[in-house]
Every structure is written in structure tokens, then in C-alpha cells.
């Protein structure tokens, strides 16, 4: 596997981890909303999304001028990352939050 598509590369950035977490919970979002929800600049979020797209973890759909992104759940690695993130988040949320989720 090329180094740029390795697990270490995909998870080496807090920005990419935040994007993966948001998309795991929400499904599909446009680039501006991803940047906002992950506290990143538009250009940083765009760069991370391009890296994740190159690794086939995220897929992009263009609707006119709106760029929407979601996890590529056809890719077993993306499904596994999503499952890990959701499991990890469920186990780290305080009990009161879990009851209301």
C-alpha cells in the first residue's frame, strides 16, 4: 500500500480525525460545514478531505457549486474506521449523555 494511503497517514492528523468523526456521526456534509464543525479553515478542511478522498476513505459529490462529502462505505477500511469511531465515542461518553443519545 502506498505510504500516502497508509493508516498512519490517514490518522496522522487531528484535522483528518475530526473530519472522520463528524462524517461518521452525521453522514454527509458540505465542505463549509465540515470546516465549521471541525474548527478548521476552509482550505485546511479541503486539503484533508482531498487526502481522505485519495485514500478512498471519503467520497465527494458535486451539486452545482456545493461540494458534499461522506464516508465511502463501499470501502471496507472506511466502514471499519466508522465502526471504530462510533464504538470509541459511545464508550467514552458520560453515562448521562449516552442515555439521552
N, C-alpha and C. Protein backbone atom coordinates (compact mmCIF):
# COMPACT_ATOMS: atom_id res chain seq x y z
N UNK A 1 0.85 -1.17 0.00
CA UNK A 1 0.00 0.00 0.00
C UNK A 1 0.90 1.24 0.00
N UNK A 2 0.60 2.22 -0.85
CA UNK A 2 1.42 3.43 -0.86
C UNK A 2 1.37 4.13 0.49
N UNK A 3 2.48 4.75 0.85
CA UNK A 3 2.59 5.42 2.15
C UNK A 3 1.50 6.45 2.35
N UNK A 4 1.13 7.18 1.30
CA UNK A 4 0.13 8.24 1.47
C UNK A 4 -1.26 7.68 1.75
N UNK A 5 -1.48 6.38 1.56
CA UNK A 5 -2.76 5.76 1.86
C UNK A 5 -2.71 4.88 3.10
N UNK A 6 -1.61 4.90 3.81
CA UNK A 6 -1.46 4.04 4.99
C UNK A 6 -2.32 4.54 6.14
N UNK A 7 -2.59 3.65 7.07
CA UNK A 7 -3.36 4.02 8.25
C UNK A 7 -2.66 5.12 9.03
N UNK A 8 -1.35 5.03 9.13
CA UNK A 8 -0.60 6.07 9.84
C UNK A 8 -0.80 7.43 9.18
N UNK A 9 -0.80 7.46 7.87
CA UNK A 9 -1.01 8.74 7.16
C UNK A 9 -2.43 9.25 7.35
N UNK A 10 -3.41 8.37 7.21
CA UNK A 10 -4.81 8.77 7.34
C UNK A 10 -5.08 9.32 8.74
N UNK A 11 -4.52 8.69 9.76
CA UNK A 11 -4.80 9.08 11.14
C UNK A 11 -3.72 9.97 11.76
N UNK A 12 -2.79 10.45 10.96
CA UNK A 12 -1.68 11.23 11.50
C UNK A 12 -2.04 12.68 11.78
N UNK A 13 -3.21 13.09 11.38
CA UNK A 13 -3.62 14.48 11.54
C UNK A 13 -4.89 14.59 12.37
N UNK A 14 -4.86 15.46 13.38
CA UNK A 14 -6.06 15.69 14.18
C UNK A 14 -7.18 16.24 13.30
N UNK A 15 -6.82 17.02 12.29
CA UNK A 15 -7.83 17.54 11.37
C UNK A 15 -8.57 16.43 10.64
N UNK A 16 -7.83 15.43 10.15
CA UNK A 16 -8.47 14.31 9.46
C UNK A 16 -9.29 13.47 10.43
N UNK A 17 -8.80 13.28 11.64
CA UNK A 17 -9.55 12.52 12.64
C UNK A 17 -10.86 13.23 12.97
N UNK A 18 -10.82 14.55 13.12
CA UNK A 18 -12.05 15.31 13.38
C UNK A 18 -13.04 15.16 12.23
N UNK A 19 -12.55 15.22 11.00
CA UNK A 19 -13.42 15.07 9.84
C UNK A 19 -14.04 13.68 9.82
N UNK A 20 -13.23 12.66 10.05
CA UNK A 20 -13.75 11.29 10.07
C UNK A 20 -14.80 11.12 11.16
N UNK A 21 -14.58 11.74 12.30
CA UNK A 21 -15.53 11.65 13.41
C UNK A 21 -16.85 12.32 13.05
N UNK A 22 -16.78 13.52 12.52
CA UNK A 22 -18.00 14.24 12.13
C UNK A 22 -18.77 13.45 11.07
N UNK A 23 -18.08 13.00 10.03
CA UNK A 23 -18.76 12.26 8.97
C UNK A 23 -19.30 10.92 9.45
N UNK A 24 -18.65 10.31 10.43
CA UNK A 24 -19.15 9.06 10.99
C UNK A 24 -20.49 9.26 11.69
N UNK A 25 -20.65 10.39 12.33
CA UNK A 25 -21.87 10.68 13.08
C UNK A 25 -22.96 11.28 12.21
N UNK A 26 -22.59 12.12 11.26
CA UNK A 26 -23.57 12.90 10.52
C UNK A 26 -23.94 12.26 9.18
N UNK A 27 -23.00 11.68 8.52
CA UNK A 27 -23.27 11.10 7.21
C UNK A 27 -22.63 11.93 6.12
N UNK A 28 -23.34 12.94 5.64
CA UNK A 28 -22.87 13.74 4.52
C UNK A 28 -23.00 15.22 4.86
N UNK A 29 -21.95 15.97 4.57
CA UNK A 29 -21.95 17.41 4.81
C UNK A 29 -21.22 18.13 3.70
N UNK A 30 -21.51 19.42 3.55
CA UNK A 30 -20.76 20.21 2.58
C UNK A 30 -19.50 20.74 3.24
N UNK A 31 -18.56 21.07 2.40
CA UNK A 31 -17.21 21.43 2.85
C UNK A 31 -17.21 22.54 3.89
N UNK A 32 -17.98 23.58 3.68
CA UNK A 32 -18.01 24.69 4.65
C UNK A 32 -18.48 24.23 6.03
N UNK A 33 -19.47 23.37 6.06
CA UNK A 33 -19.99 22.89 7.33
C UNK A 33 -18.98 21.95 8.01
N UNK A 34 -18.27 21.16 7.23
CA UNK A 34 -17.22 20.31 7.80
C UNK A 34 -16.15 21.18 8.44
N UNK A 35 -15.73 22.22 7.73
CA UNK A 35 -14.70 23.12 8.28
C UNK A 35 -15.20 23.74 9.57
N UNK A 36 -16.43 24.18 9.59
CA UNK A 36 -17.00 24.82 10.78
C UNK A 36 -17.08 23.84 11.96
N UNK A 37 -17.61 22.64 11.71
CA UNK A 37 -17.80 21.68 12.79
C UNK A 37 -16.49 21.11 13.32
N UNK A 38 -15.43 21.19 12.54
CA UNK A 38 -14.14 20.66 12.98
C UNK A 38 -13.16 21.77 13.39
N UNK A 39 -13.64 23.00 13.44
CA UNK A 39 -12.81 24.15 13.83
C UNK A 39 -11.55 24.27 12.99
N UNK A 40 -11.72 24.13 11.67
CA UNK A 40 -10.61 24.26 10.74
C UNK A 40 -10.93 25.34 9.71
N UNK A 41 -9.90 25.86 9.09
CA UNK A 41 -10.14 26.78 7.98
C UNK A 41 -10.69 25.98 6.81
N UNK A 42 -11.33 26.67 5.91
CA UNK A 42 -11.87 26.04 4.70
C UNK A 42 -10.76 25.33 3.94
N UNK A 43 -9.61 26.00 3.77
CA UNK A 43 -8.52 25.41 2.99
C UNK A 43 -7.91 24.19 3.69
N UNK A 44 -7.81 24.22 5.02
CA UNK A 44 -7.29 23.04 5.74
C UNK A 44 -8.24 21.86 5.60
N UNK A 45 -9.52 22.11 5.79
CA UNK A 45 -10.51 21.03 5.66
C UNK A 45 -10.50 20.48 4.24
N UNK A 46 -10.40 21.36 3.26
CA UNK A 46 -10.36 20.93 1.86
C UNK A 46 -9.14 20.04 1.59
N UNK A 47 -7.99 20.43 2.11
CA UNK A 47 -6.76 19.64 1.93
C UNK A 47 -6.90 18.26 2.58
N UNK A 48 -7.44 18.23 3.81
CA UNK A 48 -7.62 16.94 4.49
C UNK A 48 -8.62 16.06 3.74
N UNK A 49 -9.69 16.66 3.25
CA UNK A 49 -10.68 15.90 2.50
C UNK A 49 -10.09 15.35 1.20
N UNK A 50 -9.23 16.10 0.57
CA UNK A 50 -8.55 15.60 -0.63
C UNK A 50 -7.68 14.40 -0.30
N UNK A 51 -6.95 14.47 0.82
CA UNK A 51 -6.13 13.33 1.26
C UNK A 51 -7.00 12.11 1.53
N UNK A 52 -8.12 12.32 2.22
CA UNK A 52 -9.02 11.21 2.54
C UNK A 52 -9.69 10.67 1.28
N UNK A 53 -9.97 11.53 0.32
CA UNK A 53 -10.53 11.08 -0.96
C UNK A 53 -9.50 10.27 -1.74
N UNK A 54 -8.24 10.73 -1.75
CA UNK A 54 -7.17 9.99 -2.43
C UNK A 54 -7.01 8.59 -1.85
N UNK A 55 -7.26 8.45 -0.56
CA UNK A 55 -7.15 7.15 0.11
C UNK A 55 -8.45 6.34 -0.01
N UNK A 56 -9.45 6.89 -0.72
CA UNK A 56 -10.75 6.24 -0.93
C UNK A 56 -11.53 6.04 0.37
N UNK A 57 -11.25 6.86 1.37
CA UNK A 57 -11.97 6.80 2.64
C UNK A 57 -13.21 7.68 2.58
N UNK A 58 -13.10 8.79 1.86
CA UNK A 58 -14.18 9.76 1.72
C UNK A 58 -14.49 9.90 0.24
N UNK A 59 -15.77 10.12 -0.08
CA UNK A 59 -16.14 10.39 -1.46
C UNK A 59 -16.81 11.76 -1.55
N UNK A 60 -16.62 12.38 -2.69
CA UNK A 60 -17.13 13.72 -2.93
C UNK A 60 -18.21 13.68 -4.00
N UNK A 61 -19.25 14.47 -3.78
CA UNK A 61 -20.30 14.64 -4.78
C UNK A 61 -20.50 16.14 -4.97
N UNK A 62 -20.50 16.57 -6.21
CA UNK A 62 -20.71 17.98 -6.53
C UNK A 62 -22.15 18.18 -6.98
N UNK A 63 -22.82 19.12 -6.33
CA UNK A 63 -24.17 19.52 -6.70
C UNK A 63 -24.09 21.00 -7.07
N UNK A 64 -23.81 21.26 -8.33
CA UNK A 64 -23.57 22.64 -8.74
C UNK A 64 -22.29 23.12 -8.11
N UNK A 65 -22.40 24.20 -7.34
CA UNK A 65 -21.21 24.75 -6.68
C UNK A 65 -21.03 24.20 -5.26
N UNK A 66 -21.91 23.32 -4.83
CA UNK A 66 -21.82 22.75 -3.48
C UNK A 66 -21.10 21.42 -3.55
N UNK A 67 -20.06 21.31 -2.73
CA UNK A 67 -19.29 20.07 -2.65
C UNK A 67 -19.67 19.34 -1.37
N UNK A 68 -20.25 18.16 -1.54
CA UNK A 68 -20.68 17.35 -0.41
C UNK A 68 -19.71 16.17 -0.23
N UNK A 69 -19.45 15.83 1.02
CA UNK A 69 -18.54 14.74 1.33
C UNK A 69 -19.20 13.77 2.29
N UNK A 70 -18.88 12.49 2.11
CA UNK A 70 -19.33 11.45 3.03
C UNK A 70 -18.31 10.33 3.03
N UNK A 71 -18.40 9.48 4.04
CA UNK A 71 -17.52 8.32 4.08
C UNK A 71 -17.86 7.39 2.93
N UNK A 72 -16.85 6.79 2.35
CA UNK A 72 -17.03 5.83 1.27
C UNK A 72 -17.27 4.46 1.90
N UNK A 73 -18.51 4.19 2.23
CA UNK A 73 -18.82 2.95 2.95
C UNK A 73 -18.76 1.71 2.06
N UNK A 74 -18.45 1.89 0.78
CA UNK A 74 -18.16 0.75 -0.09
C UNK A 74 -16.76 0.22 0.21
N UNK A 75 -15.92 1.06 0.79
CA UNK A 75 -14.55 0.69 1.14
C UNK A 75 -14.55 0.05 2.53
N UNK A 76 -14.11 -1.20 2.65
CA UNK A 76 -14.10 -1.86 3.96
C UNK A 76 -13.29 -1.09 5.02
N UNK A 77 -12.24 -0.42 4.60
CA UNK A 77 -11.43 0.35 5.56
C UNK A 77 -12.23 1.52 6.12
N UNK A 78 -12.99 2.18 5.27
CA UNK A 78 -13.82 3.30 5.72
C UNK A 78 -14.91 2.79 6.68
N UNK A 79 -15.51 1.65 6.35
CA UNK A 79 -16.52 1.07 7.25
C UNK A 79 -15.92 0.73 8.60
N UNK A 80 -14.71 0.17 8.58
CA UNK A 80 -14.03 -0.19 9.83
C UNK A 80 -13.69 1.04 10.65
N UNK A 81 -13.20 2.09 9.99
CA UNK A 81 -12.91 3.34 10.71
C UNK A 81 -14.17 3.92 11.32
N UNK A 82 -15.25 3.92 10.58
CA UNK A 82 -16.52 4.44 11.10
C UNK A 82 -16.96 3.63 12.32
N UNK A 83 -16.90 2.32 12.21
CA UNK A 83 -17.30 1.45 13.32
C UNK A 83 -16.43 1.73 14.55
N UNK A 84 -15.13 1.87 14.35
CA UNK A 84 -14.21 2.16 15.45
C UNK A 84 -14.56 3.50 16.10
N UNK A 85 -14.78 4.52 15.28
CA UNK A 85 -15.09 5.85 15.81
C UNK A 85 -16.39 5.82 16.60
N UNK A 86 -17.42 5.20 16.04
CA UNK A 86 -18.71 5.16 16.75
C UNK A 86 -18.62 4.36 18.04
N UNK A 87 -17.91 3.25 18.00
CA UNK A 87 -17.72 2.43 19.20
C UNK A 87 -16.92 3.20 20.24
N UNK A 88 -15.85 3.84 19.81
CA UNK A 88 -14.99 4.59 20.72
C UNK A 88 -15.78 5.72 21.37
N UNK A 89 -16.53 6.48 20.57
CA UNK A 89 -17.31 7.60 21.10
C UNK A 89 -18.38 7.13 22.06
N UNK A 90 -19.07 6.02 21.75
CA UNK A 90 -20.10 5.50 22.65
C UNK A 90 -19.52 5.10 23.99
N UNK A 91 -18.32 4.55 23.98
CA UNK A 91 -17.71 4.08 25.22
C UNK A 91 -17.05 5.20 26.02
N UNK A 92 -16.84 6.36 25.43
CA UNK A 92 -16.18 7.44 26.16
C UNK A 92 -17.14 8.54 26.58
N UNK A 93 -18.39 8.48 26.11
CA UNK A 93 -19.37 9.48 26.52
C UNK A 93 -19.79 9.23 27.97
N UNK A 94 -20.00 10.26 28.75
CA UNK A 94 -20.51 10.06 30.10
C UNK A 94 -21.85 9.35 30.04
N UNK A 95 -22.18 8.59 31.06
CA UNK A 95 -23.40 7.79 31.09
C UNK A 95 -24.65 8.64 30.85
N UNK A 96 -24.71 9.84 31.41
CA UNK A 96 -25.88 10.71 31.23
C UNK A 96 -26.08 11.06 29.77
N UNK A 97 -24.99 11.32 29.06
CA UNK A 97 -25.09 11.66 27.64
C UNK A 97 -25.53 10.45 26.84
N UNK A 98 -25.02 9.27 27.16
CA UNK A 98 -25.40 8.05 26.45
C UNK A 98 -26.89 7.78 26.58
N UNK A 99 -27.46 8.08 27.75
CA UNK A 99 -28.87 7.84 27.98
C UNK A 99 -29.74 8.74 27.12
N UNK A 100 -29.25 9.92 26.79
CA UNK A 100 -30.03 10.86 26.01
C UNK A 100 -29.74 10.75 24.52
N UNK A 101 -28.72 10.01 24.14
CA UNK A 101 -28.35 9.89 22.72
C UNK A 101 -29.29 8.96 21.99
